[in-house]
Amino acid sequence: MLNVNRVTLLGHVGRDPELHTSAGGDRAARFSLATTERWKDRDGELQERTEWHRIIVFGGTVDVVERLVRKGTAVLVEGRLTVREYTDKEDMPRQATEIIVGGLQGMVNVLAPGTAREPEEPAAGTAAARPDAASADWA
């Protein structure tokens, strides 16, 4: 049986990437990516909804992210979808949905700035903040 786990997203980075180096020397980067859907409702009013995606990058692509990706950068990301379970600070079980980019499993293409509006990521703890925010031990 054939299987495919592939996600393609085009959006804007919500904040500067966080970089991490493991005890073994492996590097990873994490950043949030906003994708915004716009449509007109029945009354002709413009509506929009922004989804926030957690992107985790491994391997040589980390160097590209470190050099070129900043808050507001337009990027095209391809990777695989994964759901990670963890326990939060209050010992509550949680899940984080992530796009994993690493090896042959994906890419990050940095696009020219100014190609679209750059949404602002909600502050942590606000009602609009992502419900799947994982603990600091993410790599």
N, C-alpha and C. Protein backbone atom coordinates (compact mmCIF):
# COMPACT_ATOMS: atom_id res chain seq x y z
N MET A 1 0.84 -1.18 0.00
CA MET A 1 0.00 0.00 0.00
C MET A 1 0.89 1.24 0.00
N LEU A 2 0.53 2.24 -0.80
CA LEU A 2 1.26 3.50 -0.86
C LEU A 2 0.73 4.46 0.19
N ASN A 3 1.62 5.26 0.76
CA ASN A 3 1.24 6.26 1.74
C ASN A 3 1.97 7.56 1.45
N VAL A 4 1.29 8.67 1.66
CA VAL A 4 1.91 9.98 1.49
C VAL A 4 1.51 10.85 2.67
N ASN A 5 2.49 11.47 3.30
CA ASN A 5 2.26 12.45 4.36
C ASN A 5 3.01 13.70 3.95
N ARG A 6 2.34 14.61 3.25
CA ARG A 6 2.98 15.79 2.68
C ARG A 6 2.09 17.01 2.90
N VAL A 7 2.67 18.08 3.44
CA VAL A 7 1.95 19.33 3.68
C VAL A 7 2.70 20.45 2.97
N THR A 8 1.97 21.32 2.27
CA THR A 8 2.55 22.49 1.64
C THR A 8 1.82 23.72 2.17
N LEU A 9 2.58 24.68 2.70
CA LEU A 9 2.01 25.90 3.25
C LEU A 9 2.74 27.11 2.67
N LEU A 10 2.00 28.16 2.38
CA LEU A 10 2.56 29.43 1.95
C LEU A 10 2.00 30.48 2.89
N GLY A 11 2.89 31.16 3.61
CA GLY A 11 2.43 32.15 4.57
C GLY A 11 3.55 33.03 5.05
N HIS A 12 3.31 33.68 6.19
CA HIS A 12 4.28 34.60 6.78
C HIS A 12 4.68 34.12 8.17
N VAL A 13 5.96 34.30 8.48
CA VAL A 13 6.52 33.89 9.76
C VAL A 13 6.01 34.83 10.85
N GLY A 14 5.55 34.25 11.96
CA GLY A 14 4.95 35.03 13.05
C GLY A 14 5.94 35.65 14.00
N ARG A 15 7.09 35.03 14.17
CA ARG A 15 8.15 35.58 15.02
C ARG A 15 9.48 34.98 14.59
N ASP A 16 10.58 35.59 15.00
CA ASP A 16 11.90 35.08 14.63
C ASP A 16 12.04 33.62 15.05
N PRO A 17 12.71 32.81 14.24
CA PRO A 17 12.89 31.39 14.58
C PRO A 17 13.68 31.21 15.87
N GLU A 18 13.33 30.15 16.60
CA GLU A 18 14.10 29.73 17.77
C GLU A 18 15.04 28.62 17.32
N LEU A 19 16.31 28.72 17.70
CA LEU A 19 17.30 27.73 17.31
C LEU A 19 17.67 26.89 18.52
N HIS A 20 17.96 25.61 18.28
CA HIS A 20 18.29 24.68 19.36
C HIS A 20 19.38 23.73 18.88
N THR A 21 20.34 23.46 19.75
CA THR A 21 21.37 22.46 19.46
C THR A 21 21.31 21.40 20.54
N SER A 22 21.18 20.14 20.13
CA SER A 22 21.10 19.04 21.09
C SER A 22 22.47 18.75 21.68
N ALA A 23 22.51 17.95 22.72
CA ALA A 23 23.78 17.56 23.35
C ALA A 23 24.68 16.85 22.34
N GLY A 24 24.09 16.18 21.36
CA GLY A 24 24.86 15.48 20.33
C GLY A 24 25.31 16.38 19.19
N GLY A 25 24.94 17.66 19.24
CA GLY A 25 25.35 18.60 18.20
C GLY A 25 24.37 18.77 17.06
N ASP A 26 23.25 18.05 17.07
CA ASP A 26 22.24 18.21 16.02
C ASP A 26 21.50 19.53 16.23
N ARG A 27 21.26 20.23 15.13
CA ARG A 27 20.59 21.52 15.20
C ARG A 27 19.14 21.42 14.72
N ALA A 28 18.29 22.28 15.29
CA ALA A 28 16.89 22.37 14.88
C ALA A 28 16.46 23.83 14.98
N ALA A 29 15.44 24.18 14.22
CA ALA A 29 14.84 25.51 14.28
C ALA A 29 13.33 25.34 14.37
N ARG A 30 12.70 26.27 15.07
CA ARG A 30 11.24 26.25 15.19
C ARG A 30 10.74 27.66 14.93
N PHE A 31 9.66 27.75 14.14
CA PHE A 31 8.99 29.04 13.95
C PHE A 31 7.52 28.80 13.66
N SER A 32 6.73 29.84 13.84
CA SER A 32 5.30 29.76 13.54
C SER A 32 5.06 30.39 12.18
N LEU A 33 4.07 29.84 11.48
CA LEU A 33 3.73 30.32 10.15
C LEU A 33 2.24 30.59 10.10
N ALA A 34 1.86 31.76 9.61
CA ALA A 34 0.45 32.14 9.49
C ALA A 34 -0.01 31.98 8.05
N THR A 35 -1.16 31.32 7.89
CA THR A 35 -1.82 31.27 6.60
C THR A 35 -3.21 31.89 6.79
N THR A 36 -3.59 32.76 5.88
CA THR A 36 -4.84 33.51 6.03
C THR A 36 -5.77 33.22 4.86
N GLU A 37 -6.99 32.86 5.19
CA GLU A 37 -8.04 32.62 4.20
C GLU A 37 -8.97 33.84 4.19
N ARG A 38 -9.30 34.35 3.02
CA ARG A 38 -10.19 35.50 2.89
C ARG A 38 -11.36 35.14 1.99
N TRP A 39 -12.55 35.63 2.35
CA TRP A 39 -13.74 35.38 1.56
C TRP A 39 -14.78 36.45 1.86
N LYS A 40 -15.81 36.53 1.00
CA LYS A 40 -16.93 37.43 1.24
C LYS A 40 -18.09 36.60 1.76
N ASP A 41 -18.73 37.11 2.81
CA ASP A 41 -19.88 36.41 3.37
C ASP A 41 -21.13 36.71 2.55
N ARG A 42 -22.28 36.22 3.00
CA ARG A 42 -23.54 36.39 2.25
C ARG A 42 -23.92 37.84 2.06
N ASP A 43 -23.47 38.69 2.99
CA ASP A 43 -23.78 40.12 2.89
C ASP A 43 -22.74 40.89 2.09
N GLY A 44 -21.77 40.19 1.53
CA GLY A 44 -20.73 40.83 0.74
C GLY A 44 -19.60 41.43 1.57
N GLU A 45 -19.62 41.17 2.87
CA GLU A 45 -18.57 41.69 3.77
C GLU A 45 -17.35 40.79 3.68
N LEU A 46 -16.18 41.41 3.62
CA LEU A 46 -14.93 40.66 3.58
C LEU A 46 -14.64 40.04 4.94
N GLN A 47 -14.39 38.74 4.95
CA GLN A 47 -14.07 38.01 6.18
C GLN A 47 -12.69 37.40 6.02
N GLU A 48 -12.04 37.12 7.13
CA GLU A 48 -10.76 36.41 7.06
C GLU A 48 -10.54 35.61 8.33
N ARG A 49 -9.75 34.53 8.16
CA ARG A 49 -9.40 33.66 9.29
C ARG A 49 -7.93 33.27 9.10
N THR A 50 -7.15 33.47 10.17
CA THR A 50 -5.73 33.12 10.13
C THR A 50 -5.50 31.87 10.95
N GLU A 51 -4.82 30.91 10.35
CA GLU A 51 -4.41 29.68 11.03
C GLU A 51 -2.91 29.78 11.33
N TRP A 52 -2.50 29.31 12.51
CA TRP A 52 -1.09 29.32 12.89
C TRP A 52 -0.57 27.89 12.87
N HIS A 53 0.59 27.70 12.25
CA HIS A 53 1.19 26.39 12.09
C HIS A 53 2.58 26.39 12.74
N ARG A 54 2.89 25.32 13.43
CA ARG A 54 4.20 25.16 14.07
C ARG A 54 5.11 24.42 13.11
N ILE A 55 6.24 25.04 12.73
CA ILE A 55 7.19 24.46 11.79
C ILE A 55 8.46 24.08 12.55
N ILE A 56 8.91 22.83 12.39
CA ILE A 56 10.15 22.34 13.00
C ILE A 56 11.08 21.93 11.87
N VAL A 57 12.30 22.47 11.87
CA VAL A 57 13.26 22.23 10.78
C VAL A 57 14.49 21.54 11.34
N PHE A 58 14.94 20.48 10.66
CA PHE A 58 16.15 19.73 11.03
C PHE A 58 17.11 19.72 9.85
N GLY A 59 18.35 19.34 10.11
CA GLY A 59 19.33 19.13 9.04
C GLY A 59 19.88 20.44 8.48
N GLY A 60 20.35 20.36 7.24
CA GLY A 60 21.00 21.49 6.60
C GLY A 60 20.10 22.69 6.38
N THR A 61 18.80 22.47 6.34
CA THR A 61 17.86 23.58 6.13
C THR A 61 17.87 24.55 7.31
N VAL A 62 18.33 24.11 8.48
CA VAL A 62 18.42 24.99 9.65
C VAL A 62 19.32 26.19 9.33
N ASP A 63 20.41 25.97 8.60
CA ASP A 63 21.31 27.06 8.24
C ASP A 63 20.59 28.13 7.42
N VAL A 64 19.74 27.71 6.48
CA VAL A 64 18.98 28.65 5.66
C VAL A 64 18.01 29.43 6.53
N VAL A 65 17.31 28.74 7.42
CA VAL A 65 16.36 29.39 8.31
C VAL A 65 17.08 30.41 9.19
N GLU A 66 18.22 30.02 9.74
CA GLU A 66 18.97 30.92 10.62
C GLU A 66 19.40 32.20 9.89
N ARG A 67 19.82 32.07 8.64
CA ARG A 67 20.33 33.22 7.89
C ARG A 67 19.23 34.10 7.30
N LEU A 68 18.13 33.50 6.84
CA LEU A 68 17.18 34.25 6.01
C LEU A 68 15.79 34.45 6.58
N VAL A 69 15.38 33.66 7.54
CA VAL A 69 14.00 33.73 8.01
C VAL A 69 13.89 34.61 9.25
N ARG A 70 13.00 35.60 9.18
CA ARG A 70 12.72 36.51 10.28
C ARG A 70 11.21 36.71 10.35
N LYS A 71 10.76 37.32 11.44
CA LYS A 71 9.35 37.66 11.58
C LYS A 71 8.89 38.44 10.35
N GLY A 72 7.77 38.03 9.75
CA GLY A 72 7.21 38.70 8.59
C GLY A 72 7.67 38.15 7.26
N THR A 73 8.71 37.30 7.24
CA THR A 73 9.20 36.72 5.99
C THR A 73 8.14 35.83 5.36
N ALA A 74 7.93 35.99 4.05
CA ALA A 74 7.03 35.10 3.32
C ALA A 74 7.82 33.85 2.95
N VAL A 75 7.29 32.68 3.31
CA VAL A 75 7.97 31.42 3.02
C VAL A 75 6.99 30.39 2.49
N LEU A 76 7.52 29.49 1.66
CA LEU A 76 6.82 28.30 1.19
C LEU A 76 7.47 27.13 1.91
N VAL A 77 6.69 26.36 2.64
CA VAL A 77 7.19 25.25 3.44
C VAL A 77 6.55 23.96 2.95
N GLU A 78 7.37 22.92 2.78
CA GLU A 78 6.87 21.58 2.51
C GLU A 78 7.47 20.64 3.54
N GLY A 79 6.64 19.79 4.11
CA GLY A 79 7.11 18.84 5.12
C GLY A 79 6.07 17.79 5.39
N ARG A 80 6.27 17.08 6.48
CA ARG A 80 5.30 16.04 6.86
C ARG A 80 4.58 16.46 8.13
N LEU A 81 3.34 16.07 8.23
CA LEU A 81 2.50 16.41 9.37
C LEU A 81 2.70 15.38 10.48
N THR A 82 2.85 15.86 11.70
CA THR A 82 2.97 14.96 12.84
C THR A 82 2.23 15.56 14.04
N VAL A 83 1.76 14.71 14.93
CA VAL A 83 1.13 15.14 16.17
C VAL A 83 1.96 14.58 17.31
N ARG A 84 2.42 15.49 18.16
CA ARG A 84 3.29 15.12 19.29
C ARG A 84 2.53 15.31 20.59
N GLU A 85 2.62 14.32 21.46
CA GLU A 85 1.98 14.42 22.77
C GLU A 85 3.02 14.81 23.81
N TYR A 86 2.61 15.65 24.77
CA TYR A 86 3.50 16.09 25.83
C TYR A 86 2.66 16.45 27.05
N THR A 87 3.33 16.72 28.15
CA THR A 87 2.67 17.14 29.38
C THR A 87 3.05 18.59 29.66
N ASP A 88 2.06 19.45 29.89
CA ASP A 88 2.36 20.85 30.11
C ASP A 88 2.82 21.10 31.55
N LYS A 89 3.05 22.37 31.88
CA LYS A 89 3.58 22.74 33.20
C LYS A 89 2.64 22.37 34.34
N GLU A 90 1.34 22.26 34.04
CA GLU A 90 0.35 21.87 35.05
C GLU A 90 0.08 20.37 35.03
N ASP A 91 0.98 19.59 34.41
CA ASP A 91 0.86 18.14 34.29
C ASP A 91 -0.40 17.69 33.54
N MET A 92 -0.86 18.53 32.61
CA MET A 92 -2.01 18.17 31.79
C MET A 92 -1.50 17.63 30.45
N PRO A 93 -2.09 16.52 29.96
CA PRO A 93 -1.67 15.99 28.65
C PRO A 93 -2.12 16.94 27.54
N ARG A 94 -1.24 17.17 26.58
CA ARG A 94 -1.52 18.06 25.46
C ARG A 94 -1.02 17.43 24.17
N GLN A 95 -1.47 17.99 23.05
CA GLN A 95 -0.99 17.58 21.74
C GLN A 95 -0.57 18.81 20.96
N ALA A 96 0.48 18.67 20.18
CA ALA A 96 0.94 19.74 19.29
C ALA A 96 1.02 19.17 17.88
N THR A 97 0.34 19.83 16.96
CA THR A 97 0.42 19.45 15.55
C THR A 97 1.54 20.26 14.93
N GLU A 98 2.48 19.57 14.26
CA GLU A 98 3.67 20.22 13.73
C GLU A 98 3.93 19.79 12.29
N ILE A 99 4.59 20.66 11.54
CA ILE A 99 5.08 20.34 10.22
C ILE A 99 6.58 20.13 10.37
N ILE A 100 7.06 18.92 10.05
CA ILE A 100 8.47 18.56 10.19
C ILE A 100 9.16 18.70 8.84
N VAL A 101 10.23 19.49 8.81
CA VAL A 101 11.02 19.71 7.60
C VAL A 101 12.42 19.20 7.89
N GLY A 102 12.84 18.16 7.17
CA GLY A 102 14.17 17.63 7.40
C GLY A 102 14.55 16.61 6.35
N GLY A 103 15.82 16.58 5.98
CA GLY A 103 16.31 15.61 4.99
C GLY A 103 15.55 15.73 3.70
N LEU A 104 15.12 14.59 3.18
CA LEU A 104 14.35 14.59 1.95
C LEU A 104 12.87 14.83 2.19
N GLN A 105 12.50 15.06 3.44
CA GLN A 105 11.10 15.19 3.80
C GLN A 105 10.56 16.61 3.70
N GLY A 106 11.30 17.54 3.09
CA GLY A 106 10.71 18.87 2.96
C GLY A 106 11.69 19.94 2.57
N MET A 107 11.17 21.17 2.55
CA MET A 107 11.97 22.32 2.17
C MET A 107 11.36 23.58 2.74
N VAL A 108 12.20 24.62 2.82
CA VAL A 108 11.76 25.96 3.17
C VAL A 108 12.29 26.89 2.08
N ASN A 109 11.38 27.49 1.31
CA ASN A 109 11.76 28.46 0.28
C ASN A 109 11.40 29.85 0.77
N VAL A 110 12.40 30.72 0.87
CA VAL A 110 12.18 32.09 1.30
C VAL A 110 11.78 32.90 0.07
N LEU A 111 10.63 33.59 0.16
CA LEU A 111 10.11 34.37 -0.96
C LEU A 111 10.44 35.84 -0.78
N ALA A 112 10.27 36.61 -1.81
CA ALA A 112 10.54 38.05 -1.76
C ALA A 112 9.63 38.71 -0.73
N PRO A 113 10.16 39.63 0.07
CA PRO A 113 9.33 40.32 1.07
C PRO A 113 8.30 41.22 0.38
N GLY A 114 7.24 41.50 1.10
CA GLY A 114 6.24 42.41 0.58
C GLY A 114 5.27 41.77 -0.39
N THR A 115 5.21 40.44 -0.45
CA THR A 115 4.30 39.79 -1.39
C THR A 115 2.87 39.73 -0.87
N ALA A 116 2.68 39.92 0.43
CA ALA A 116 1.34 39.89 1.01
C ALA A 116 1.39 40.53 2.39
N ARG A 117 0.21 40.72 2.98
CA ARG A 117 0.11 41.28 4.32
C ARG A 117 0.74 40.33 5.32
N GLU A 118 1.38 40.88 6.35
CA GLU A 118 2.08 40.08 7.35
C GLU A 118 1.29 40.08 8.65
N PRO A 119 0.60 39.00 8.99
CA PRO A 119 -0.18 38.97 10.24
C PRO A 119 0.72 38.94 11.45
N GLU A 120 0.21 39.45 12.56
CA GLU A 120 0.93 39.46 13.82
C GLU A 120 0.48 38.27 14.65
N GLU A 121 1.44 37.52 15.19
CA GLU A 121 1.09 36.37 16.02
C GLU A 121 0.53 36.86 17.34
N PRO A 122 -0.57 36.25 17.81
CA PRO A 122 -1.13 36.65 19.11
C PRO A 122 -0.13 36.40 20.23
N ALA A 123 -0.18 37.26 21.22
CA ALA A 123 0.71 37.09 22.38
C ALA A 123 0.30 35.86 23.17
N ALA A 124 1.28 35.20 23.78
CA ALA A 124 1.01 34.02 24.60
C ALA A 124 0.07 34.42 25.74
N GLY A 125 -0.88 33.55 26.03
CA GLY A 125 -1.80 33.80 27.12
C GLY A 125 -3.06 34.54 26.72
N THR A 126 -3.14 35.06 25.49
CA THR A 126 -4.35 35.74 25.06
C THR A 126 -5.34 34.73 24.52
N ALA A 127 -6.59 35.14 24.41
CA ALA A 127 -7.62 34.23 23.93
C ALA A 127 -7.34 33.77 22.50
N ALA A 128 -6.64 34.60 21.73
CA ALA A 128 -6.37 34.25 20.34
C ALA A 128 -5.10 33.41 20.18
N ALA A 129 -4.38 33.18 21.28
CA ALA A 129 -3.13 32.41 21.18
C ALA A 129 -3.44 30.97 20.79
N ARG A 130 -2.49 30.32 20.15
CA ARG A 130 -2.67 28.93 19.71
C ARG A 130 -2.94 28.02 20.90
N PRO A 131 -3.91 27.14 20.81
CA PRO A 131 -4.19 26.22 21.92
C PRO A 131 -3.19 25.08 22.03
N ASP A 132 -2.33 24.89 21.02
CA ASP A 132 -1.43 23.75 21.03
C ASP A 132 0.01 24.12 21.39
N ALA A 133 0.19 25.24 22.07
CA ALA A 133 1.55 25.69 22.40
C ALA A 133 2.24 24.64 23.26
N ALA A 134 3.38 24.16 22.78
CA ALA A 134 4.09 23.08 23.47
C ALA A 134 5.06 23.64 24.49
N SER A 135 5.58 22.77 25.30
CA SER A 135 6.54 23.16 26.31
C SER A 135 7.85 23.59 25.66
N ALA A 136 8.73 24.18 26.45
CA ALA A 136 10.01 24.66 25.92
C ALA A 136 10.89 23.50 25.44
N ASP A 137 10.65 22.29 25.90
CA ASP A 137 11.44 21.13 25.51
C ASP A 137 10.83 20.53 24.25
N TRP A 138 11.10 21.13 23.11
CA TRP A 138 10.40 20.78 21.88
C TRP A 138 11.22 20.00 20.90
N ALA A 139 12.52 19.95 21.02
CA ALA A 139 13.32 19.30 19.99
C ALA A 139 13.62 17.86 20.33
